[in-house]
């Protein structure tokens, strides 16, 4: 009877092995092979692929670009999402309507949303430049210059995933206890002081969780870059995920792309762990 509980865990364990552990172990094995378009197979070549990774400046540039894009987009999502959550948290008219409206971008498939935004940013036919011309600001080469293309991808990321941040933060606000707010009202605290001394500290655990979740997802950005810019112009919007895709599924350098993937995975795990600890030290109250 005591051992029967392990049989209930078996299906979940099989799924875990099938979709996570086996692919990870196979990727590790492939990363030590010379598998490419000319040498298909798992011929062992030691750490040559990893040595090549550390010499690949294009990969490290794409990783830096991804870091800037993911951190800046998540920070914007947090600020805008928190503002929207605070706006509908209070009793306002049409509150339920606005809650649903703010979630619409997140409900759209990323590829579809990217196609729509690529059309909006079209230099001659897109409405973005039409609006800028109408107010006398001229046109912007949204997708044909490096800085503008990077900003375009950033705008789409913020538009698409701010609703997710809004949803997490709104759930946190709804779950906050009422007693601290009653005490703040008795002390005569205004809205700004109440937010800084009550709401924000109470929301610290939710804030950390929301930011880490979004950083994990933002670090895997692929669809937006693929559809809108294909990493261009040049490599101005090329992220690590897209570069690994190019090496693995375009150039068919399977062994090398596996080494890139594992290096990227380790860097992300270490970076996100450090960020989580820094956020916890900054936002969570210290014991004693």
C-alpha atoms as a PDB file:
ATOM      1  CA  UNK A   1       0.000   0.000   0.000  1.00  0.00           C
ATOM      2  CA  UNK A   2       2.844   2.374   0.874  1.00  0.00           C
ATOM      3  CA  UNK A   3       4.511   1.737  -2.494  1.00  0.00           C
ATOM      4  CA  UNK A   4       1.334   2.292  -4.503  1.00  0.00           C
ATOM      5  CA  UNK A   5       1.852   6.061  -4.446  1.00  0.00           C
ATOM      6  CA  UNK A   6       4.848   5.691  -6.741  1.00  0.00           C
ATOM      7  CA  UNK A   7       2.646   4.237  -9.467  1.00  0.00           C
ATOM      8  CA  UNK A   8       0.626   7.444  -9.492  1.00  0.00           C
ATOM      9  CA  UNK A   9       3.849   9.405 -10.031  1.00  0.00           C
ATOM     10  CA  UNK A  10       4.934   7.187 -12.927  1.00  0.00           C
ATOM     11  CA  UNK A  11       2.922   8.886 -15.738  1.00  0.00           C
ATOM     12  CA  UNK A  12       4.222  12.321 -14.782  1.00  0.00           C
ATOM     13  CA  UNK A  13       7.771  10.969 -14.528  1.00  0.00           C
ATOM     14  CA  UNK A  14       7.511   9.378 -17.991  1.00  0.00           C
ATOM     15  CA  UNK A  15       6.282  12.657 -19.496  1.00  0.00           C
ATOM     16  CA  UNK A  16       9.077  14.563 -17.736  1.00  0.00           C
ATOM     17  CA  UNK A  17      11.702  12.201 -19.121  1.00  0.00           C
ATOM     18  CA  UNK A  18      10.162  12.295 -22.595  1.00  0.00           C
ATOM     19  CA  UNK A  19       9.886  16.062 -23.011  1.00  0.00           C
ATOM     20  CA  UNK A  20      12.719  17.420 -20.850  1.00  0.00           C
ATOM     21  CA  UNK A  21      15.364  15.000 -19.625  1.00  0.00           C
ATOM     22  CA  UNK A  22      15.866  12.930 -22.798  1.00  0.00           C
ATOM     23  CA  UNK A  23      16.084  15.967 -25.160  1.00  0.00           C
ATOM     24  CA  UNK A  24      18.523  17.637 -22.767  1.00  0.00           C
ATOM     25  CA  UNK A  25      20.752  14.570 -22.560  1.00  0.00           C
ATOM     26  CA  UNK A  26      20.596  14.091 -26.322  1.00  0.00           C
ATOM     27  CA  UNK A  27      21.497  17.755 -26.884  1.00  0.00           C
ATOM     28  CA  UNK A  28      24.523  17.328 -24.605  1.00  0.00           C
ATOM     29  CA  UNK A  29      25.575  14.291 -26.622  1.00  0.00           C
ATOM     30  CA  UNK A  30      25.096  16.109 -29.939  1.00  0.00           C
ATOM     31  CA  UNK A  31      27.106  19.118 -28.709  1.00  0.00           C
ATOM     32  CA  UNK A  32      30.195  16.911 -28.544  1.00  0.00           C
ATOM     33  CA  UNK A  33      29.724  15.666 -32.112  1.00  0.00           C
ATOM     34  CA  UNK A  34      30.612  16.951 -35.576  1.00  0.00           C
ATOM     35  CA  UNK A  35      27.068  16.570 -36.909  1.00  0.00           C
ATOM     36  CA  UNK A  36      26.520  19.001 -39.779  1.00  0.00           C
ATOM     37  CA  UNK A  37      25.361  19.022 -43.396  1.00  0.00           C
ATOM     38  CA  UNK A  38      28.612  17.380 -44.534  1.00  0.00           C
ATOM     39  CA  UNK A  39      29.095  14.896 -41.666  1.00  0.00           C
ATOM     40  CA  UNK A  40      25.736  13.584 -40.451  1.00  0.00           C
ATOM     41  CA  UNK A  41      26.189  11.474 -37.347  1.00  0.00           C
ATOM     42  CA  UNK A  42      27.417  11.582 -33.780  1.00  0.00           C
ATOM     43  CA  UNK A  43      31.172  11.370 -34.299  1.00  0.00           C
ATOM     44  CA  UNK A  44      32.780  12.491 -31.029  1.00  0.00           C
ATOM     45  CA  UNK A  45      35.027  15.565 -31.373  1.00  0.00           C
ATOM     46  CA  UNK A  46      35.439  16.595 -27.729  1.00  0.00           C
ATOM     47  CA  UNK A  47      34.974  20.224 -26.765  1.00  0.00           C
ATOM     48  CA  UNK A  48      35.736  21.737 -30.165  1.00  0.00           C
ATOM     49  CA  UNK A  49      32.201  23.083 -30.564  1.00  0.00           C
ATOM     50  CA  UNK A  50      32.357  24.847 -27.199  1.00  0.00           C
ATOM     51  CA  UNK A  51      35.768  26.326 -28.017  1.00  0.00           C
ATOM     52  CA  UNK A  52      34.228  27.662 -31.203  1.00  0.00           C
ATOM     53  CA  UNK A  53      31.345  29.186 -29.199  1.00  0.00           C
ATOM     54  CA  UNK A  54      33.725  31.296 -27.111  1.00  0.00           C
ATOM     55  CA  UNK A  55      35.352  32.609 -30.298  1.00  0.00           C
ATOM     56  CA  UNK A  56      32.016  33.377 -32.001  1.00  0.00           C
ATOM     57  CA  UNK A  57      31.621  37.150 -31.648  1.00  0.00           C
ATOM     58  CA  UNK A  58      28.299  37.085 -33.489  1.00  0.00           C
ATOM     59  CA  UNK A  59      26.795  34.870 -30.786  1.00  0.00           C
ATOM     60  CA  UNK A  60      27.998  37.099 -27.958  1.00  0.00           C
ATOM     61  CA  UNK A  61      26.744  40.194 -29.754  1.00  0.00           C
ATOM     62  CA  UNK A  62      23.339  38.556 -30.192  1.00  0.00           C
ATOM     63  CA  UNK A  63      23.350  37.642 -26.492  1.00  0.00           C
ATOM     64  CA  UNK A  64      24.114  41.241 -25.518  1.00  0.00           C
ATOM     65  CA  UNK A  65      21.377  42.445 -27.857  1.00  0.00           C
ATOM     66  CA  UNK A  66      18.945  39.969 -26.320  1.00  0.00           C
ATOM     67  CA  UNK A  67      19.875  41.131 -22.811  1.00  0.00           C
ATOM     68  CA  UNK A  68      19.166  44.772 -23.646  1.00  0.00           C
ATOM     69  CA  UNK A  69      15.920  43.890 -25.417  1.00  0.00           C
ATOM     70  CA  UNK A  70      14.593  41.560 -22.726  1.00  0.00           C
ATOM     71  CA  UNK A  71      15.518  43.749 -19.727  1.00  0.00           C
ATOM     72  CA  UNK A  72      14.197  46.972 -21.272  1.00  0.00           C
ATOM     73  CA  UNK A  73      10.982  45.334 -22.495  1.00  0.00           C
ATOM     74  CA  UNK A  74      10.281  43.660 -19.146  1.00  0.00           C
ATOM     75  CA  UNK A  75      10.890  46.897 -17.226  1.00  0.00           C
ATOM     76  CA  UNK A  76       8.483  48.754 -19.520  1.00  0.00           C
ATOM     77  CA  UNK A  77       5.954  45.949 -19.208  1.00  0.00           C
ATOM     78  CA  UNK A  78       6.222  46.116 -15.438  1.00  0.00           C
ATOM     79  CA  UNK A  79       5.757  49.885 -15.221  1.00  0.00           C
ATOM     80  CA  UNK A  80       2.866  50.009 -17.697  1.00  0.00           C
ATOM     81  CA  UNK A  81       1.287  46.807 -16.359  1.00  0.00           C
ATOM     82  CA  UNK A  82       1.460  48.057 -12.767  1.00  0.00           C
ATOM     83  CA  UNK A  83      -0.119  51.385 -13.780  1.00  0.00           C
ATOM     84  CA  UNK A  84      -2.956  49.621 -15.589  1.00  0.00           C
ATOM     85  CA  UNK A  85      -3.458  47.194 -12.689  1.00  0.00           C
ATOM     86  CA  UNK A  86      -3.684  50.065 -10.223  1.00  0.00           C
ATOM     87  CA  UNK A  87      -6.142  51.841 -12.528  1.00  0.00           C
ATOM     88  CA  UNK A  88      -8.641  48.971 -12.627  1.00  0.00           C
ATOM     89  CA  UNK A  89      -7.987  47.770  -9.073  1.00  0.00           C
ATOM     90  CA  UNK A  90     -10.067  50.592  -7.643  1.00  0.00           C
ATOM     91  CA  UNK A  91     -13.782  50.935  -8.163  1.00  0.00           C
ATOM     92  CA  UNK A  92     -14.095  52.670 -11.540  1.00  0.00           C
ATOM     93  CA  UNK A  93     -16.778  52.592 -14.204  1.00  0.00           C
ATOM     94  CA  UNK A  94     -16.530  49.813 -16.795  1.00  0.00           C
ATOM     95  CA  UNK A  95     -13.805  48.116 -14.746  1.00  0.00           C
ATOM     96  CA  UNK A  96     -14.617  44.641 -16.090  1.00  0.00           C
ATOM     97  CA  UNK A  97     -14.620  45.946 -19.672  1.00  0.00           C
ATOM     98  CA  UNK A  98     -11.158  47.453 -19.272  1.00  0.00           C
ATOM     99  CA  UNK A  99      -9.838  44.254 -17.659  1.00  0.00           C
ATOM    100  CA  UNK A 100     -10.860  42.276 -20.732  1.00  0.00           C
ATOM    101  CA  UNK A 101      -9.702  44.984 -23.150  1.00  0.00           C
ATOM    102  CA  UNK A 102      -6.197  45.085 -21.688  1.00  0.00           C
ATOM    103  CA  UNK A 103      -5.838  41.325 -22.225  1.00  0.00           C
ATOM    104  CA  UNK A 104      -6.637  41.364 -25.963  1.00  0.00           C
ATOM    105  CA  UNK A 105      -3.003  41.699 -27.226  1.00  0.00           C
ATOM    106  CA  UNK A 106      -1.928  38.680 -25.160  1.00  0.00           C
ATOM    107  CA  UNK A 107      -4.742  36.575 -26.635  1.00  0.00           C
ATOM    108  CA  UNK A 108      -3.403  37.061 -30.172  1.00  0.00           C
ATOM    109  CA  UNK A 109      -0.863  34.628 -31.588  1.00  0.00           C
ATOM    110  CA  UNK A 110       2.634  36.200 -31.595  1.00  0.00           C
ATOM    111  CA  UNK A 111       3.116  35.456 -35.301  1.00  0.00           C
ATOM    112  CA  UNK A 112      -0.197  37.092 -36.223  1.00  0.00           C
ATOM    113  CA  UNK A 113       0.573  40.095 -34.021  1.00  0.00           C
ATOM    114  CA  UNK A 114       4.025  40.434 -35.617  1.00  0.00           C
ATOM    115  CA  UNK A 115       2.521  40.382 -39.130  1.00  0.00           C
ATOM    116  CA  UNK A 116       0.059  43.113 -38.120  1.00  0.00           C
ATOM    117  CA  UNK A 117       2.825  45.278 -36.646  1.00  0.00           C
ATOM    118  CA  UNK A 118       5.061  44.728 -39.664  1.00  0.00           C
ATOM    119  CA  UNK A 119       2.240  46.123 -41.769  1.00  0.00           C
ATOM    120  CA  UNK A 120       1.797  49.055 -39.365  1.00  0.00           C
ATOM    121  CA  UNK A 121       5.526  49.856 -39.576  1.00  0.00           C
ATOM    122  CA  UNK A 122       5.676  49.593 -43.383  1.00  0.00           C
ATOM    123  CA  UNK A 123       7.560  52.705 -44.517  1.00  0.00           C
ATOM    124  CA  UNK A 124       5.300  53.698 -47.423  1.00  0.00           C
ATOM    125  CA  UNK A 125       2.003  51.918 -46.750  1.00  0.00           C
ATOM    126  CA  UNK A 126       1.910  51.618 -42.961  1.00  0.00           C
ATOM    127  CA  UNK A 127      -0.332  53.809 -40.794  1.00  0.00           C
ATOM    128  CA  UNK A 128       2.514  54.605 -38.354  1.00  0.00           C
ATOM    129  CA  UNK A 129       4.265  56.880 -40.849  1.00  0.00           C
ATOM    130  CA  UNK A 130       0.929  58.246 -42.085  1.00  0.00           C
ATOM    131  CA  UNK A 131       0.175  59.430 -38.542  1.00  0.00           C
ATOM    132  CA  UNK A 132       3.666  60.918 -38.154  1.00  0.00           C
ATOM    133  CA  UNK A 133       3.320  62.769 -41.457  1.00  0.00           C
ATOM    134  CA  UNK A 134      -0.135  64.041 -40.495  1.00  0.00           C
ATOM    135  CA  UNK A 135       1.287  65.721 -37.388  1.00  0.00           C
ATOM    136  CA  UNK A 136       4.328  67.032 -39.242  1.00  0.00           C
ATOM    137  CA  UNK A 137       7.039  64.749 -37.856  1.00  0.00           C
ATOM    138  CA  UNK A 138       8.071  63.092 -41.111  1.00  0.00           C
ATOM    139  CA  UNK A 139       8.595  59.390 -41.743  1.00  0.00           C
ATOM    140  CA  UNK A 140      10.681  56.870 -39.836  1.00  0.00           C
ATOM    141  CA  UNK A 141      12.478  53.926 -41.515  1.00  0.00           C
ATOM    142  CA  UNK A 142      11.043  51.547 -38.927  1.00  0.00           C
ATOM    143  CA  UNK A 143      12.381  48.256 -40.255  1.00  0.00           C
ATOM    144  CA  UNK A 144      15.264  49.313 -42.503  1.00  0.00           C
ATOM    145  CA  UNK A 145      17.685  50.910 -40.012  1.00  0.00           C
ATOM    146  CA  UNK A 146      19.239  49.193 -37.022  1.00  0.00           C
ATOM    147  CA  UNK A 147      18.089  51.424 -34.166  1.00  0.00           C
ATOM    148  CA  UNK A 148      14.563  51.894 -35.536  1.00  0.00           C
ATOM    149  CA  UNK A 149      14.162  48.153 -36.164  1.00  0.00           C
ATOM    150  CA  UNK A 150      15.319  47.379 -32.624  1.00  0.00           C
ATOM    151  CA  UNK A 151      12.830  49.892 -31.208  1.00  0.00           C
ATOM    152  CA  UNK A 152      10.098  48.398 -33.405  1.00  0.00           C
ATOM    153  CA  UNK A 153      10.693  44.922 -31.983  1.00  0.00           C
ATOM    154  CA  UNK A 154      10.749  46.404 -28.478  1.00  0.00           C
ATOM    155  CA  UNK A 155       7.395  48.129 -29.063  1.00  0.00           C
ATOM    156  CA  UNK A 156       5.802  44.903 -30.253  1.00  0.00           C
ATOM    157  CA  UNK A 157       7.152  42.946 -27.279  1.00  0.00           C
ATOM    158  CA  UNK A 158       5.833  45.533 -24.838  1.00  0.00           C
ATOM    159  CA  UNK A 159       2.458  45.656 -26.596  1.00  0.00           C
ATOM    160  CA  UNK A 160       2.123  41.889 -26.705  1.00  0.00           C
ATOM    161  CA  UNK A 161       3.145  40.982 -23.166  1.00  0.00           C
ATOM    162  CA  UNK A 162       2.231  43.945 -20.972  1.00  0.00           C
ATOM    163  CA  UNK A 163      -1.225  42.320 -20.503  1.00  0.00           C
ATOM    164  CA  UNK A 164       0.444  39.276 -18.941  1.00  0.00           C
ATOM    165  CA  UNK A 165       2.274  41.486 -16.459  1.00  0.00           C
ATOM    166  CA  UNK A 166      -0.959  43.390 -15.864  1.00  0.00           C
ATOM    167  CA  UNK A 167      -2.781  40.143 -15.099  1.00  0.00           C
ATOM    168  CA  UNK A 168      -0.168  38.939 -12.592  1.00  0.00           C
ATOM    169  CA  UNK A 169       0.042  42.282 -10.800  1.00  0.00           C
ATOM    170  CA  UNK A 170      -3.723  42.734 -10.708  1.00  0.00           C
ATOM    171  CA  UNK A 171      -4.084  39.290  -9.125  1.00  0.00           C
ATOM    172  CA  UNK A 172      -1.514  40.348  -6.531  1.00  0.00           C
ATOM    173  CA  UNK A 173      -3.303  43.623  -5.802  1.00  0.00           C
ATOM    174  CA  UNK A 174      -6.641  41.880  -5.359  1.00  0.00           C
ATOM    175  CA  UNK A 175      -5.099  39.499  -2.805  1.00  0.00           C
ATOM    176  CA  UNK A 176      -3.562  42.231  -0.631  1.00  0.00           C
ATOM    177  CA  UNK A 177      -4.890  42.520   2.949  1.00  0.00           C
ATOM    178  CA  UNK A 178      -7.089  45.506   3.842  1.00  0.00           C
ATOM    179  CA  UNK A 179      -5.706  46.191   7.320  1.00  0.00           C
ATOM    180  CA  UNK A 180      -2.536  48.085   6.232  1.00  0.00           C
ATOM    181  CA  UNK A 181      -4.648  50.422   4.109  1.00  0.00           C
ATOM    182  CA  UNK A 182      -6.999  51.129   6.996  1.00  0.00           C
ATOM    183  CA  UNK A 183      -3.985  51.928   9.194  1.00  0.00           C
ATOM    184  CA  UNK A 184      -2.538  54.202   6.479  1.00  0.00           C
ATOM    185  CA  UNK A 185      -5.872  56.020   6.147  1.00  0.00           C
ATOM    186  CA  UNK A 186      -6.029  56.564   9.913  1.00  0.00           C
ATOM    187  CA  UNK A 187      -2.474  57.975   9.824  1.00  0.00           C
ATOM    188  CA  UNK A 188      -3.565  60.398   7.101  1.00  0.00           C
ATOM    189  CA  UNK A 189      -1.343  58.968   4.363  1.00  0.00           C
ATOM    190  CA  UNK A 190      -2.067  60.223   0.848  1.00  0.00           C
ATOM    191  CA  UNK A 191      -2.189  58.100  -2.335  1.00  0.00           C
ATOM    192  CA  UNK A 192       1.532  58.450  -3.139  1.00  0.00           C
ATOM    193  CA  UNK A 193       2.670  57.693   0.406  1.00  0.00           C
ATOM    194  CA  UNK A 194       0.244  54.770   0.628  1.00  0.00           C
ATOM    195  CA  UNK A 195       1.622  53.338  -2.610  1.00  0.00           C
ATOM    196  CA  UNK A 196       5.275  53.739  -1.590  1.00  0.00           C
ATOM    197  CA  UNK A 197       4.916  52.523   1.988  1.00  0.00           C
ATOM    198  CA  UNK A 198       2.089  49.995   1.736  1.00  0.00           C
ATOM    199  CA  UNK A 199       1.220  48.805  -1.773  1.00  0.00           C
ATOM    200  CA  UNK A 200       4.709  48.511  -3.270  1.00  0.00           C
ATOM    201  CA  UNK A 201       6.286  46.687  -0.273  1.00  0.00           C
ATOM    202  CA  UNK A 202       3.350  44.278  -0.055  1.00  0.00           C
ATOM    203  CA  UNK A 203       3.626  43.608  -3.791  1.00  0.00           C
ATOM    204  CA  UNK A 204       7.362  42.815  -3.603  1.00  0.00           C
ATOM    205  CA  UNK A 205       7.034  38.986  -3.784  1.00  0.00           C
ATOM    206  CA  UNK A 206       4.576  39.238  -6.697  1.00  0.00           C
ATOM    207  CA  UNK A 207       6.850  41.783  -8.384  1.00  0.00           C
ATOM    208  CA  UNK A 208       9.857  39.469  -8.193  1.00  0.00           C
ATOM    209  CA  UNK A 209       7.888  36.505  -9.505  1.00  0.00           C
ATOM    210  CA  UNK A 210       6.333  38.494 -12.361  1.00  0.00           C
ATOM    211  CA  UNK A 211       9.649  39.982 -13.477  1.00  0.00           C
ATOM    212  CA  UNK A 212      11.461  36.623 -13.401  1.00  0.00           C
ATOM    213  CA  UNK A 213       8.660  34.877 -15.305  1.00  0.00           C
ATOM    214  CA  UNK A 214       8.680  37.549 -17.975  1.00  0.00           C
ATOM    215  CA  UNK A 215      12.484  37.586 -18.202  1.00  0.00           C
ATOM    216  CA  UNK A 216      12.439  33.832 -18.804  1.00  0.00           C
ATOM    217  CA  UNK A 217       9.933  34.253 -21.620  1.00  0.00           C
ATOM    218  CA  UNK A 218      11.571  37.393 -23.046  1.00  0.00           C
ATOM    219  CA  UNK A 219      14.925  35.629 -23.234  1.00  0.00           C
ATOM    220  CA  UNK A 220      13.360  33.191 -25.727  1.00  0.00           C
ATOM    221  CA  UNK A 221      12.066  35.819 -28.158  1.00  0.00           C
ATOM    222  CA  UNK A 222      11.959  34.319 -31.641  1.00  0.00           C
ATOM    223  CA  UNK A 223       8.640  34.786 -33.468  1.00  0.00           C
ATOM    224  CA  UNK A 224       8.663  38.589 -33.437  1.00  0.00           C
ATOM    225  CA  UNK A 225      12.204  38.805 -34.780  1.00  0.00           C
ATOM    226  CA  UNK A 226      11.615  36.085 -37.378  1.00  0.00           C
ATOM    227  CA  UNK A 227       8.444  37.643 -38.793  1.00  0.00           C
ATOM    228  CA  UNK A 228       9.232  41.350 -38.534  1.00  0.00           C
ATOM    229  CA  UNK A 229      12.930  41.681 -39.348  1.00  0.00           C
ATOM    230  CA  UNK A 230      14.524  38.230 -39.818  1.00  0.00           C
ATOM    231  CA  UNK A 231      17.294  39.524 -37.577  1.00  0.00           C
ATOM    232  CA  UNK A 232      17.979  42.513 -39.815  1.00  0.00           C
ATOM    233  CA  UNK A 233      18.875  44.921 -41.071  1.00  0.00           C
ATOM    234  CA  UNK A 234      22.183  43.118 -40.969  1.00  0.00           C
ATOM    235  CA  UNK A 235      22.237  41.640 -37.479  1.00  0.00           C
ATOM    236  CA  UNK A 236      20.694  44.650 -35.708  1.00  0.00           C
ATOM    237  CA  UNK A 237      17.786  42.668 -34.237  1.00  0.00           C
ATOM    238  CA  UNK A 238      19.326  39.213 -34.200  1.00  0.00           C
ATOM    239  CA  UNK A 239      18.814  37.533 -30.811  1.00  0.00           C
ATOM    240  CA  UNK A 240      20.496  34.417 -29.441  1.00  0.00           C
ATOM    241  CA  UNK A 241      17.506  32.207 -30.197  1.00  0.00           C
ATOM    242  CA  UNK A 242      17.350  33.402 -33.784  1.00  0.00           C
ATOM    243  CA  UNK A 243      21.099  32.970 -34.244  1.00  0.00           C
ATOM    244  CA  UNK A 244      20.926  29.411 -32.908  1.00  0.00           C
ATOM    245  CA  UNK A 245      18.056  28.771 -35.326  1.00  0.00           C
ATOM    246  CA  UNK A 246      20.191  30.036 -38.221  1.00  0.00           C
ATOM    247  CA  UNK A 247      23.141  27.826 -37.285  1.00  0.00           C
ATOM    248  CA  UNK A 248      21.006  24.746 -36.621  1.00  0.00           C
ATOM    249  CA  UNK A 249      18.151  24.801 -39.129  1.00  0.00           C
ATOM    250  CA  UNK A 250      19.534  26.978 -41.915  1.00  0.00           C
ATOM    251  CA  UNK A 251      23.209  26.085 -41.972  1.00  0.00           C
ATOM    252  CA  UNK A 252      22.465  22.639 -40.541  1.00  0.00           C
ATOM    253  CA  UNK A 253      25.395  22.785 -38.110  1.00  0.00           C
ATOM    254  CA  UNK A 254      23.590  20.580 -35.614  1.00  0.00           C
ATOM    255  CA  UNK A 255      26.515  19.856 -33.293  1.00  0.00           C
ATOM    256  CA  UNK A 256      27.548  23.493 -33.105  1.00  0.00           C
ATOM    257  CA  UNK A 257      23.986  24.733 -32.579  1.00  0.00           C
ATOM    258  CA  UNK A 258      23.616  22.221 -29.720  1.00  0.00           C
ATOM    259  CA  UNK A 259      26.740  23.674 -28.095  1.00  0.00           C
ATOM    260  CA  UNK A 260      25.323  27.185 -28.594  1.00  0.00           C
ATOM    261  CA  UNK A 261      22.042  26.105 -26.999  1.00  0.00           C
ATOM    262  CA  UNK A 262      23.711  24.618 -23.928  1.00  0.00           C
ATOM    263  CA  UNK A 263      25.962  27.667 -23.462  1.00  0.00           C
ATOM    264  CA  UNK A 264      22.927  29.912 -23.778  1.00  0.00           C
ATOM    265  CA  UNK A 265      20.980  27.756 -21.284  1.00  0.00           C
ATOM    266  CA  UNK A 266      23.731  27.905 -18.655  1.00  0.00           C
ATOM    267  CA  UNK A 267      24.117  31.676 -19.073  1.00  0.00           C
ATOM    268  CA  UNK A 268      20.357  32.201 -18.699  1.00  0.00           C
ATOM    269  CA  UNK A 269      20.132  30.019 -15.575  1.00  0.00           C
ATOM    270  CA  UNK A 270      23.034  31.810 -13.895  1.00  0.00           C
ATOM    271  CA  UNK A 271      21.848  35.285 -14.940  1.00  0.00           C
ATOM    272  CA  UNK A 272      18.245  34.762 -13.831  1.00  0.00           C
ATOM    273  CA  UNK A 273      19.386  33.292 -10.502  1.00  0.00           C
ATOM    274  CA  UNK A 274      21.550  36.347  -9.847  1.00  0.00           C
ATOM    275  CA  UNK A 275      18.732  38.722 -10.881  1.00  0.00           C
ATOM    276  CA  UNK A 276      16.256  36.928  -8.601  1.00  0.00           C
ATOM    277  CA  UNK A 277      18.636  37.196  -5.628  1.00  0.00           C
ATOM    278  CA  UNK A 278      19.357  40.870  -6.315  1.00  0.00           C
ATOM    279  CA  UNK A 279      15.640  41.665  -6.574  1.00  0.00           C
ATOM    280  CA  UNK A 280      14.925  39.749  -3.373  1.00  0.00           C
ATOM    281  CA  UNK A 281      17.665  41.628  -1.536  1.00  0.00           C
ATOM    282  CA  UNK A 282      16.399  44.978  -2.828  1.00  0.00           C
ATOM    283  CA  UNK A 283      12.653  44.509  -2.403  1.00  0.00           C
ATOM    284  CA  UNK A 284      12.005  41.980   0.342  1.00  0.00           C
ATOM    285  CA  UNK A 285      12.250  43.134   3.957  1.00  0.00           C
ATOM    286  CA  UNK A 286      15.218  41.762   5.883  1.00  0.00           C
ATOM    287  CA  UNK A 287      14.551  39.663   8.940  1.00  0.00           C
ATOM    288  CA  UNK A 288      15.779  41.019  12.230  1.00  0.00           C
END
